[in-house]
Amino acid sequence: CNGVALPYLAFDKDQRVTHTAIVDN
C-alpha cells in the first residue's frame, strides 16, 4: 500500500485439486 509491504497470513480455501479445472491447451 503506497509502496509499503504489509505483513499477512495466508489460508487455503480449498485443500484439494478441484475437478473440471480450466486448463489452457
mmCIF file of all heavy atoms, coordinates in Angstrom:
data_MODEL
# 
_entry.id   MODEL 
# 
loop_
_atom_site.group_PDB 
_atom_site.id 
_atom_site.type_symbol 
_atom_site.label_atom_id 
_atom_site.label_alt_id 
_atom_site.label_comp_id 
_atom_site.label_asym_id 
_atom_site.label_entity_id 
_atom_site.label_seq_id 
_atom_site.pdbx_PDB_ins_code 
_atom_site.Cartn_x 
_atom_site.Cartn_y 
_atom_site.Cartn_z 
_atom_site.occupancy 
_atom_site.B_iso_or_equiv 
_atom_site.pdbx_formal_charge 
_atom_site.auth_seq_id 
_atom_site.auth_comp_id 
_atom_site.auth_asym_id 
_atom_site.auth_atom_id 
_atom_site.pdbx_PDB_model_num 
ATOM 1   N N   . CYS A 1 1  ? 0.864   -1.182  0.000   1.00 0.00 ? 1  CYS A N   1 
ATOM 2   C CA  . CYS A 1 1  ? 0.000   0.000   0.000   1.00 0.00 ? 1  CYS A CA  1 
ATOM 3   C C   . CYS A 1 1  ? 0.894   1.224   0.000   1.00 0.00 ? 1  CYS A C   1 
ATOM 4   O O   . CYS A 1 1  ? 1.681   1.419   0.955   1.00 0.00 ? 1  CYS A O   1 
ATOM 5   C CB  . CYS A 1 1  ? -0.913  -0.018  1.220   1.00 0.00 ? 1  CYS A CB  1 
ATOM 6   S SG  . CYS A 1 1  ? -1.963  1.443   1.360   1.00 0.00 ? 1  CYS A SG  1 
ATOM 7   N N   . ASN A 1 2  ? 0.834   1.997   -1.065  1.00 0.00 ? 2  ASN A N   1 
ATOM 8   C CA  . ASN A 1 2  ? 1.691   3.178   -1.224  1.00 0.00 ? 2  ASN A CA  1 
ATOM 9   C C   . ASN A 1 2  ? 3.168   2.813   -1.117  1.00 0.00 ? 2  ASN A C   1 
ATOM 10  O O   . ASN A 1 2  ? 3.965   3.540   -0.514  1.00 0.00 ? 2  ASN A O   1 
ATOM 11  C CB  . ASN A 1 2  ? 1.331   4.249   -0.196  1.00 0.00 ? 2  ASN A CB  1 
ATOM 12  C CG  . ASN A 1 2  ? -0.085  4.750   -0.359  1.00 0.00 ? 2  ASN A CG  1 
ATOM 13  O OD1 . ASN A 1 2  ? -0.608  4.811   -1.485  1.00 0.00 ? 2  ASN A OD1 1 
ATOM 14  N ND2 . ASN A 1 2  ? -0.726  5.104   0.741   1.00 0.00 ? 2  ASN A ND2 1 
ATOM 15  N N   . GLY A 1 3  ? 3.525   1.648   -1.667  1.00 0.00 ? 3  GLY A N   1 
ATOM 16  C CA  . GLY A 1 3  ? 4.906   1.218   -1.680  1.00 0.00 ? 3  GLY A CA  1 
ATOM 17  C C   . GLY A 1 3  ? 5.381   0.540   -0.416  1.00 0.00 ? 3  GLY A C   1 
ATOM 18  O O   . GLY A 1 3  ? 6.538   0.121   -0.333  1.00 0.00 ? 3  GLY A O   1 
ATOM 19  N N   . VAL A 1 4  ? 4.508   0.405   0.595   1.00 0.00 ? 4  VAL A N   1 
ATOM 20  C CA  . VAL A 1 4  ? 4.878   -0.222  1.865   1.00 0.00 ? 4  VAL A CA  1 
ATOM 21  C C   . VAL A 1 4  ? 4.347   -1.648  1.872   1.00 0.00 ? 4  VAL A C   1 
ATOM 22  O O   . VAL A 1 4  ? 3.145   -1.882  1.639   1.00 0.00 ? 4  VAL A O   1 
ATOM 23  C CB  . VAL A 1 4  ? 4.324   0.569   3.059   1.00 0.00 ? 4  VAL A CB  1 
ATOM 24  C CG1 . VAL A 1 4  ? 4.694   -0.109  4.371   1.00 0.00 ? 4  VAL A CG1 1 
ATOM 25  C CG2 . VAL A 1 4  ? 4.830   2.010   3.022   1.00 0.00 ? 4  VAL A CG2 1 
ATOM 26  N N   . ALA A 1 5  ? 5.232   -2.627  2.140   1.00 0.00 ? 5  ALA A N   1 
ATOM 27  C CA  . ALA A 1 5  ? 4.824   -4.025  2.204   1.00 0.00 ? 5  ALA A CA  1 
ATOM 28  C C   . ALA A 1 5  ? 4.089   -4.290  3.503   1.00 0.00 ? 5  ALA A C   1 
ATOM 29  O O   . ALA A 1 5  ? 4.527   -3.865  4.582   1.00 0.00 ? 5  ALA A O   1 
ATOM 30  C CB  . ALA A 1 5  ? 6.038   -4.934  2.083   1.00 0.00 ? 5  ALA A CB  1 
ATOM 31  N N   . LEU A 1 6  ? 2.957   -4.987  3.423   1.00 0.00 ? 6  LEU A N   1 
ATOM 32  C CA  . LEU A 1 6  ? 2.121   -5.268  4.588   1.00 0.00 ? 6  LEU A CA  1 
ATOM 33  C C   . LEU A 1 6  ? 2.267   -6.733  4.986   1.00 0.00 ? 6  LEU A C   1 
ATOM 34  O O   . LEU A 1 6  ? 2.164   -7.633  4.136   1.00 0.00 ? 6  LEU A O   1 
ATOM 35  C CB  . LEU A 1 6  ? 0.652   -4.975  4.269   1.00 0.00 ? 6  LEU A CB  1 
ATOM 36  C CG  . LEU A 1 6  ? 0.345   -3.541  3.813   1.00 0.00 ? 6  LEU A CG  1 
ATOM 37  C CD1 . LEU A 1 6  ? -1.111  -3.425  3.406   1.00 0.00 ? 6  LEU A CD1 1 
ATOM 38  C CD2 . LEU A 1 6  ? 0.659   -2.555  4.934   1.00 0.00 ? 6  LEU A CD2 1 
ATOM 39  N N   . PRO A 1 7  ? 2.495   -7.043  6.250   1.00 0.00 ? 7  PRO A N   1 
ATOM 40  C CA  . PRO A 1 7  ? 2.548   -8.444  6.687   1.00 0.00 ? 7  PRO A CA  1 
ATOM 41  C C   . PRO A 1 7  ? 1.148   -9.058  6.664   1.00 0.00 ? 7  PRO A C   1 
ATOM 42  O O   . PRO A 1 7  ? 0.147   -8.373  6.887   1.00 0.00 ? 7  PRO A O   1 
ATOM 43  C CB  . PRO A 1 7  ? 3.110   -8.350  8.103   1.00 0.00 ? 7  PRO A CB  1 
ATOM 44  C CG  . PRO A 1 7  ? 2.754   -6.982  8.563   1.00 0.00 ? 7  PRO A CG  1 
ATOM 45  C CD  . PRO A 1 7  ? 2.784   -6.096  7.345   1.00 0.00 ? 7  PRO A CD  1 
ATOM 46  N N   . TYR A 1 8  ? 1.087   -10.377 6.401   1.00 0.00 ? 8  TYR A N   1 
ATOM 47  C CA  . TYR A 1 8  ? -0.215  -11.049 6.285   1.00 0.00 ? 8  TYR A CA  1 
ATOM 48  C C   . TYR A 1 8  ? -0.047  -12.529 6.583   1.00 0.00 ? 8  TYR A C   1 
ATOM 49  O O   . TYR A 1 8  ? 1.064   -13.063 6.640   1.00 0.00 ? 8  TYR A O   1 
ATOM 50  C CB  . TYR A 1 8  ? -0.781  -10.869 4.870   1.00 0.00 ? 8  TYR A CB  1 
ATOM 51  C CG  . TYR A 1 8  ? 0.047   -11.537 3.794   1.00 0.00 ? 8  TYR A CG  1 
ATOM 52  C CD1 . TYR A 1 8  ? -0.239  -12.844 3.388   1.00 0.00 ? 8  TYR A CD1 1 
ATOM 53  C CD2 . TYR A 1 8  ? 1.113   -10.875 3.206   1.00 0.00 ? 8  TYR A CD2 1 
ATOM 54  C CE1 . TYR A 1 8  ? 0.529   -13.465 2.423   1.00 0.00 ? 8  TYR A CE1 1 
ATOM 55  C CE2 . TYR A 1 8  ? 1.875   -11.492 2.228   1.00 0.00 ? 8  TYR A CE2 1 
ATOM 56  C CZ  . TYR A 1 8  ? 1.577   -12.784 1.838   1.00 0.00 ? 8  TYR A CZ  1 
ATOM 57  O OH  . TYR A 1 8  ? 2.336   -13.403 0.887   1.00 0.00 ? 8  TYR A OH  1 
ATOM 58  N N   . LEU A 1 9  ? -1.169  -13.195 6.777   1.00 0.00 ? 9  LEU A N   1 
ATOM 59  C CA  . LEU A 1 9  ? -1.240  -14.644 6.919   1.00 0.00 ? 9  LEU A CA  1 
ATOM 60  C C   . LEU A 1 9  ? -2.114  -15.185 5.799   1.00 0.00 ? 9  LEU A C   1 
ATOM 61  O O   . LEU A 1 9  ? -3.119  -14.566 5.420   1.00 0.00 ? 9  LEU A O   1 
ATOM 62  C CB  . LEU A 1 9  ? -1.829  -15.034 8.278   1.00 0.00 ? 9  LEU A CB  1 
ATOM 63  C CG  . LEU A 1 9  ? -1.028  -14.605 9.516   1.00 0.00 ? 9  LEU A CG  1 
ATOM 64  C CD1 . LEU A 1 9  ? -1.802  -14.972 10.786  1.00 0.00 ? 9  LEU A CD1 1 
ATOM 65  C CD2 . LEU A 1 9  ? 0.344   -15.261 9.522   1.00 0.00 ? 9  LEU A CD2 1 
ATOM 66  N N   . ALA A 1 10 ? -1.746  -16.362 5.259   1.00 0.00 ? 10 ALA A N   1 
ATOM 67  C CA  . ALA A 1 10 ? -2.467  -16.956 4.134   1.00 0.00 ? 10 ALA A CA  1 
ATOM 68  C C   . ALA A 1 10 ? -3.175  -18.216 4.580   1.00 0.00 ? 10 ALA A C   1 
ATOM 69  O O   . ALA A 1 10 ? -2.619  -19.032 5.330   1.00 0.00 ? 10 ALA A O   1 
ATOM 70  C CB  . ALA A 1 10 ? -1.499  -17.268 2.986   1.00 0.00 ? 10 ALA A CB  1 
ATOM 71  N N   . PHE A 1 11 ? -4.433  -18.377 4.147   1.00 0.00 ? 11 PHE A N   1 
ATOM 72  C CA  . PHE A 1 11 ? -5.229  -19.570 4.425   1.00 0.00 ? 11 PHE A CA  1 
ATOM 73  C C   . PHE A 1 11 ? -5.804  -20.085 3.116   1.00 0.00 ? 11 PHE A C   1 
ATOM 74  O O   . PHE A 1 11 ? -6.379  -19.321 2.328   1.00 0.00 ? 11 PHE A O   1 
ATOM 75  C CB  . PHE A 1 11 ? -6.366  -19.249 5.401   1.00 0.00 ? 11 PHE A CB  1 
ATOM 76  C CG  . PHE A 1 11 ? -5.906  -18.757 6.735   1.00 0.00 ? 11 PHE A CG  1 
ATOM 77  C CD1 . PHE A 1 11 ? -5.736  -17.394 6.966   1.00 0.00 ? 11 PHE A CD1 1 
ATOM 78  C CD2 . PHE A 1 11 ? -5.612  -19.645 7.755   1.00 0.00 ? 11 PHE A CD2 1 
ATOM 79  C CE1 . PHE A 1 11 ? -5.305  -16.928 8.189   1.00 0.00 ? 11 PHE A CE1 1 
ATOM 80  C CE2 . PHE A 1 11 ? -5.174  -19.183 8.983   1.00 0.00 ? 11 PHE A CE2 1 
ATOM 81  C CZ  . PHE A 1 11 ? -5.020  -17.830 9.204   1.00 0.00 ? 11 PHE A CZ  1 
ATOM 82  N N   . ASP A 1 12 ? -5.662  -21.402 2.895   1.00 0.00 ? 12 ASP A N   1 
ATOM 83  C CA  . ASP A 1 12 ? -6.222  -22.009 1.696   1.00 0.00 ? 12 ASP A CA  1 
ATOM 84  C C   . ASP A 1 12 ? -7.720  -22.199 1.888   1.00 0.00 ? 12 ASP A C   1 
ATOM 85  O O   . ASP A 1 12 ? -8.167  -22.779 2.873   1.00 0.00 ? 12 ASP A O   1 
ATOM 86  C CB  . ASP A 1 12 ? -5.580  -23.373 1.412   1.00 0.00 ? 12 ASP A CB  1 
ATOM 87  C CG  . ASP A 1 12 ? -4.163  -23.221 0.883   1.00 0.00 ? 12 ASP A CG  1 
ATOM 88  O OD1 . ASP A 1 12 ? -3.853  -22.127 0.395   1.00 0.00 ? 12 ASP A OD1 1 
ATOM 89  O OD2 . ASP A 1 12 ? -3.398  -24.195 0.957   1.00 0.00 ? 12 ASP A OD2 1 
ATOM 90  N N   . LYS A 1 13 ? -8.498  -21.743 0.912   1.00 0.00 ? 13 LYS A N   1 
ATOM 91  C CA  . LYS A 1 13 ? -9.931  -22.017 0.923   1.00 0.00 ? 13 LYS A CA  1 
ATOM 92  C C   . LYS A 1 13 ? -10.226 -23.452 0.517   1.00 0.00 ? 13 LYS A C   1 
ATOM 93  O O   . LYS A 1 13 ? -11.208 -24.043 0.931   1.00 0.00 ? 13 LYS A O   1 
ATOM 94  C CB  . LYS A 1 13 ? -10.663 -21.065 -0.037  1.00 0.00 ? 13 LYS A CB  1 
ATOM 95  C CG  . LYS A 1 13 ? -10.678 -19.616 0.384   1.00 0.00 ? 13 LYS A CG  1 
ATOM 96  C CD  . LYS A 1 13 ? -11.479 -18.813 -0.617  1.00 0.00 ? 13 LYS A CD  1 
ATOM 97  C CE  . LYS A 1 13 ? -11.537 -17.345 -0.237  1.00 0.00 ? 13 LYS A CE  1 
ATOM 98  N NZ  . LYS A 1 13 ? -12.308 -16.563 -1.241  1.00 0.00 ? 13 LYS A NZ  1 
ATOM 99  N N   . ASP A 1 14 ? -9.399  -23.987 -0.340  1.00 0.00 ? 14 ASP A N   1 
ATOM 100 C CA  . ASP A 1 14 ? -9.629  -25.318 -0.884  1.00 0.00 ? 14 ASP A CA  1 
ATOM 101 C C   . ASP A 1 14 ? -8.366  -26.132 -0.715  1.00 0.00 ? 14 ASP A C   1 
ATOM 102 O O   . ASP A 1 14 ? -7.315  -25.763 -1.236  1.00 0.00 ? 14 ASP A O   1 
ATOM 103 C CB  . ASP A 1 14 ? -9.995  -25.217 -2.376  1.00 0.00 ? 14 ASP A CB  1 
ATOM 104 C CG  . ASP A 1 14 ? -10.680 -26.466 -2.882  1.00 0.00 ? 14 ASP A CG  1 
ATOM 105 O OD1 . ASP A 1 14 ? -10.787 -27.419 -2.097  1.00 0.00 ? 14 ASP A OD1 1 
ATOM 106 O OD2 . ASP A 1 14 ? -11.108 -26.471 -4.039  1.00 0.00 ? 14 ASP A OD2 1 
ATOM 107 N N   . GLN A 1 15 ? -8.441  -27.243 -0.012  1.00 0.00 ? 15 GLN A N   1 
ATOM 108 C CA  . GLN A 1 15 ? -7.262  -28.033 0.293   1.00 0.00 ? 15 GLN A CA  1 
ATOM 109 C C   . GLN A 1 15 ? -7.027  -29.160 -0.706  1.00 0.00 ? 15 GLN A C   1 
ATOM 110 O O   . GLN A 1 15 ? -6.175  -29.992 -0.507  1.00 0.00 ? 15 GLN A O   1 
ATOM 111 C CB  . GLN A 1 15 ? -7.408  -28.631 1.701   1.00 0.00 ? 15 GLN A CB  1 
ATOM 112 C CG  . GLN A 1 15 ? -7.528  -27.592 2.792   1.00 0.00 ? 15 GLN A CG  1 
ATOM 113 C CD  . GLN A 1 15 ? -6.237  -26.825 3.000   1.00 0.00 ? 15 GLN A CD  1 
ATOM 114 O OE1 . GLN A 1 15 ? -5.173  -27.281 2.605   1.00 0.00 ? 15 GLN A OE1 1 
ATOM 115 N NE2 . GLN A 1 15 ? -6.328  -25.650 3.610   1.00 0.00 ? 15 GLN A NE2 1 
ATOM 116 N N   . ARG A 1 16 ? -7.805  -29.224 -1.757  1.00 0.00 ? 16 ARG A N   1 
ATOM 117 C CA  . ARG A 1 16 ? -7.633  -30.296 -2.723  1.00 0.00 ? 16 ARG A CA  1 
ATOM 118 C C   . ARG A 1 16 ? -7.668  -29.726 -4.135  1.00 0.00 ? 16 ARG A C   1 
ATOM 119 O O   . ARG A 1 16 ? -8.040  -28.579 -4.356  1.00 0.00 ? 16 ARG A O   1 
ATOM 120 C CB  . ARG A 1 16 ? -8.739  -31.344 -2.572  1.00 0.00 ? 16 ARG A CB  1 
ATOM 121 C CG  . ARG A 1 16 ? -10.133 -30.807 -2.887  1.00 0.00 ? 16 ARG A CG  1 
ATOM 122 C CD  . ARG A 1 16 ? -11.182 -31.886 -2.696  1.00 0.00 ? 16 ARG A CD  1 
ATOM 123 N NE  . ARG A 1 16 ? -12.511 -31.375 -2.994  1.00 0.00 ? 16 ARG A NE  1 
ATOM 124 C CZ  . ARG A 1 16 ? -13.059 -31.370 -4.197  1.00 0.00 ? 16 ARG A CZ  1 
ATOM 125 N NH1 . ARG A 1 16 ? -12.371 -31.829 -5.225  1.00 0.00 ? 16 ARG A NH1 1 
ATOM 126 N NH2 . ARG A 1 16 ? -14.269 -30.904 -4.389  1.00 0.00 ? 16 ARG A NH2 1 
ATOM 127 N N   . VAL A 1 17 ? -7.288  -30.586 -5.123  1.00 0.00 ? 17 VAL A N   1 
ATOM 128 C CA  . VAL A 1 17 ? -7.342  -30.192 -6.536  1.00 0.00 ? 17 VAL A CA  1 
ATOM 129 C C   . VAL A 1 17 ? -8.773  -30.338 -7.021  1.00 0.00 ? 17 VAL A C   1 
ATOM 130 O O   . VAL A 1 17 ? -9.367  -31.410 -6.898  1.00 0.00 ? 17 VAL A O   1 
ATOM 131 C CB  . VAL A 1 17 ? -6.400  -31.080 -7.376  1.00 0.00 ? 17 VAL A CB  1 
ATOM 132 C CG1 . VAL A 1 17 ? -6.496  -30.701 -8.838  1.00 0.00 ? 17 VAL A CG1 1 
ATOM 133 C CG2 . VAL A 1 17 ? -4.973  -30.934 -6.894  1.00 0.00 ? 17 VAL A CG2 1 
ATOM 134 N N   . THR A 1 18 ? -9.348  -29.287 -7.551  1.00 0.00 ? 18 THR A N   1 
ATOM 135 C CA  . THR A 1 18 ? -10.741 -29.329 -7.960  1.00 0.00 ? 18 THR A CA  1 
ATOM 136 C C   . THR A 1 18 ? -10.882 -29.982 -9.321  1.00 0.00 ? 18 THR A C   1 
ATOM 137 O O   . THR A 1 18 ? -10.017 -29.869 -10.193 1.00 0.00 ? 18 THR A O   1 
ATOM 138 C CB  . THR A 1 18 ? -11.314 -27.901 -8.043  1.00 0.00 ? 18 THR A CB  1 
ATOM 139 O OG1 . THR A 1 18 ? -10.529 -27.145 -8.971  1.00 0.00 ? 18 THR A OG1 1 
ATOM 140 C CG2 . THR A 1 18 ? -11.280 -27.240 -6.686  1.00 0.00 ? 18 THR A CG2 1 
ATOM 141 N N   . HIS A 1 19 ? -12.003 -30.665 -9.506  1.00 0.00 ? 19 HIS A N   1 
ATOM 142 C CA  . HIS A 1 19 ? -12.320 -31.236 -10.805 1.00 0.00 ? 19 HIS A CA  1 
ATOM 143 C C   . HIS A 1 19 ? -12.809 -30.135 -11.743 1.00 0.00 ? 19 HIS A C   1 
ATOM 144 O O   . HIS A 1 19 ? -13.184 -29.054 -11.326 1.00 0.00 ? 19 HIS A O   1 
ATOM 145 C CB  . HIS A 1 19 ? -13.395 -32.313 -10.667 1.00 0.00 ? 19 HIS A CB  1 
ATOM 146 C CG  . HIS A 1 19 ? -12.927 -33.523 -9.917  1.00 0.00 ? 19 HIS A CG  1 
ATOM 147 N ND1 . HIS A 1 19 ? -12.082 -34.453 -10.473 1.00 0.00 ? 19 HIS A ND1 1 
ATOM 148 C CD2 . HIS A 1 19 ? -13.182 -33.949 -8.661  1.00 0.00 ? 19 HIS A CD2 1 
ATOM 149 C CE1 . HIS A 1 19 ? -11.834 -35.403 -9.596  1.00 0.00 ? 19 HIS A CE1 1 
ATOM 150 N NE2 . HIS A 1 19 ? -12.489 -35.116 -8.474  1.00 0.00 ? 19 HIS A NE2 1 
ATOM 151 N N   . THR A 1 20 ? -12.826 -30.445 -13.024 1.00 0.00 ? 20 THR A N   1 
ATOM 152 C CA  . THR A 1 20 ? -13.289 -29.535 -14.093 1.00 0.00 ? 20 THR A CA  1 
ATOM 153 C C   . THR A 1 20 ? -12.542 -28.215 -14.073 1.00 0.00 ? 20 THR A C   1 
ATOM 154 O O   . THR A 1 20 ? -13.101 -27.174 -14.402 1.00 0.00 ? 20 THR A O   1 
ATOM 155 C CB  . THR A 1 20 ? -14.805 -29.271 -13.990 1.00 0.00 ? 20 THR A CB  1 
ATOM 156 O OG1 . THR A 1 20 ? -15.087 -28.524 -12.798 1.00 0.00 ? 20 THR A OG1 1 
ATOM 157 C CG2 . THR A 1 20 ? -15.582 -30.571 -13.986 1.00 0.00 ? 20 THR A CG2 1 
ATOM 158 N N   . ALA A 1 21 ? -11.275 -28.242 -13.656 1.00 0.00 ? 21 ALA A N   1 
ATOM 159 C CA  . ALA A 1 21 ? -10.481 -27.013 -13.693 1.00 0.00 ? 21 ALA A CA  1 
ATOM 160 C C   . ALA A 1 21 ? -10.194 -26.630 -15.133 1.00 0.00 ? 21 ALA A C   1 
ATOM 161 O O   . ALA A 1 21 ? -9.956  -27.484 -15.989 1.00 0.00 ? 21 ALA A O   1 
ATOM 162 C CB  . ALA A 1 21 ? -9.179  -27.209 -12.933 1.00 0.00 ? 21 ALA A CB  1 
ATOM 163 N N   . ILE A 1 22 ? -10.225 -25.354 -15.448 1.00 0.00 ? 22 ILE A N   1 
ATOM 164 C CA  . ILE A 1 22 ? -9.961  -24.875 -16.806 1.00 0.00 ? 22 ILE A CA  1 
ATOM 165 C C   . ILE A 1 22 ? -8.452  -24.818 -17.009 1.00 0.00 ? 22 ILE A C   1 
ATOM 166 O O   . ILE A 1 22 ? -7.736  -24.124 -16.288 1.00 0.00 ? 22 ILE A O   1 
ATOM 167 C CB  . ILE A 1 22 ? -10.588 -23.488 -17.034 1.00 0.00 ? 22 ILE A CB  1 
ATOM 168 C CG1 . ILE A 1 22 ? -12.113 -23.577 -16.865 1.00 0.00 ? 22 ILE A CG1 1 
ATOM 169 C CG2 . ILE A 1 22 ? -10.233 -22.951 -18.398 1.00 0.00 ? 22 ILE A CG2 1 
ATOM 170 C CD1 . ILE A 1 22 ? -12.806 -22.245 -16.965 1.00 0.00 ? 22 ILE A CD1 1 
ATOM 171 N N   . VAL A 1 23 ? -7.961  -25.558 -17.990 1.00 0.00 ? 23 VAL A N   1 
ATOM 172 C CA  . VAL A 1 23 ? -6.528  -25.649 -18.268 1.00 0.00 ? 23 VAL A CA  1 
ATOM 173 C C   . VAL A 1 23 ? -6.295  -25.267 -19.717 1.00 0.00 ? 23 VAL A C   1 
ATOM 174 O O   . VAL A 1 23 ? -6.918  -25.821 -20.625 1.00 0.00 ? 23 VAL A O   1 
ATOM 175 C CB  . VAL A 1 23 ? -5.985  -27.072 -18.002 1.00 0.00 ? 23 VAL A CB  1 
ATOM 176 C CG1 . VAL A 1 23 ? -4.500  -27.140 -18.311 1.00 0.00 ? 23 VAL A CG1 1 
ATOM 177 C CG2 . VAL A 1 23 ? -6.241  -27.470 -16.552 1.00 0.00 ? 23 VAL A CG2 1 
ATOM 178 N N   . ASP A 1 24 ? -5.423  -24.306 -19.938 1.00 0.00 ? 24 ASP A N   1 
ATOM 179 C CA  . ASP A 1 24 ? -5.073  -23.904 -21.297 1.00 0.00 ? 24 ASP A CA  1 
ATOM 180 C C   . ASP A 1 24 ? -4.373  -25.048 -22.023 1.00 0.00 ? 24 ASP A C   1 
ATOM 181 O O   . ASP A 1 24 ? -3.665  -25.855 -21.425 1.00 0.00 ? 24 ASP A O   1 
ATOM 182 C CB  . ASP A 1 24 ? -4.163  -22.676 -21.246 1.00 0.00 ? 24 ASP A CB  1 
ATOM 183 C CG  . ASP A 1 24 ? -3.896  -22.121 -22.632 1.00 0.00 ? 24 ASP A CG  1 
ATOM 184 O OD1 . ASP A 1 24 ? -4.731  -21.375 -23.139 1.00 0.00 ? 24 ASP A OD1 1 
ATOM 185 O OD2 . ASP A 1 24 ? -2.852  -22.463 -23.202 1.00 0.00 ? 24 ASP A OD2 1 
ATOM 186 N N   . ASN A 1 25 ? -4.563  -25.125 -23.336 1.00 0.00 ? 25 ASN A N   1 
ATOM 187 C CA  . ASN A 1 25 ? -4.001  -26.218 -24.133 1.00 0.00 ? 25 ASN A CA  1 
ATOM 188 C C   . ASN A 1 25 ? -2.488  -26.301 -23.995 1.00 0.00 ? 25 ASN A C   1 
ATOM 189 O O   . ASN A 1 25 ? -1.915  -27.390 -23.921 1.00 0.00 ? 25 ASN A O   1 
ATOM 190 C CB  . ASN A 1 25 ? -4.395  -26.035 -25.609 1.00 0.00 ? 25 ASN A CB  1 
ATOM 191 C CG  . ASN A 1 25 ? -3.798  -27.109 -26.490 1.00 0.00 ? 25 ASN A CG  1 
ATOM 192 O OD1 . ASN A 1 25 ? -3.878  -28.287 -26.176 1.00 0.00 ? 25 ASN A OD1 1 
ATOM 193 N ND2 . ASN A 1 25 ? -3.188  -26.697 -27.584 1.00 0.00 ? 25 ASN A ND2 1 
# 
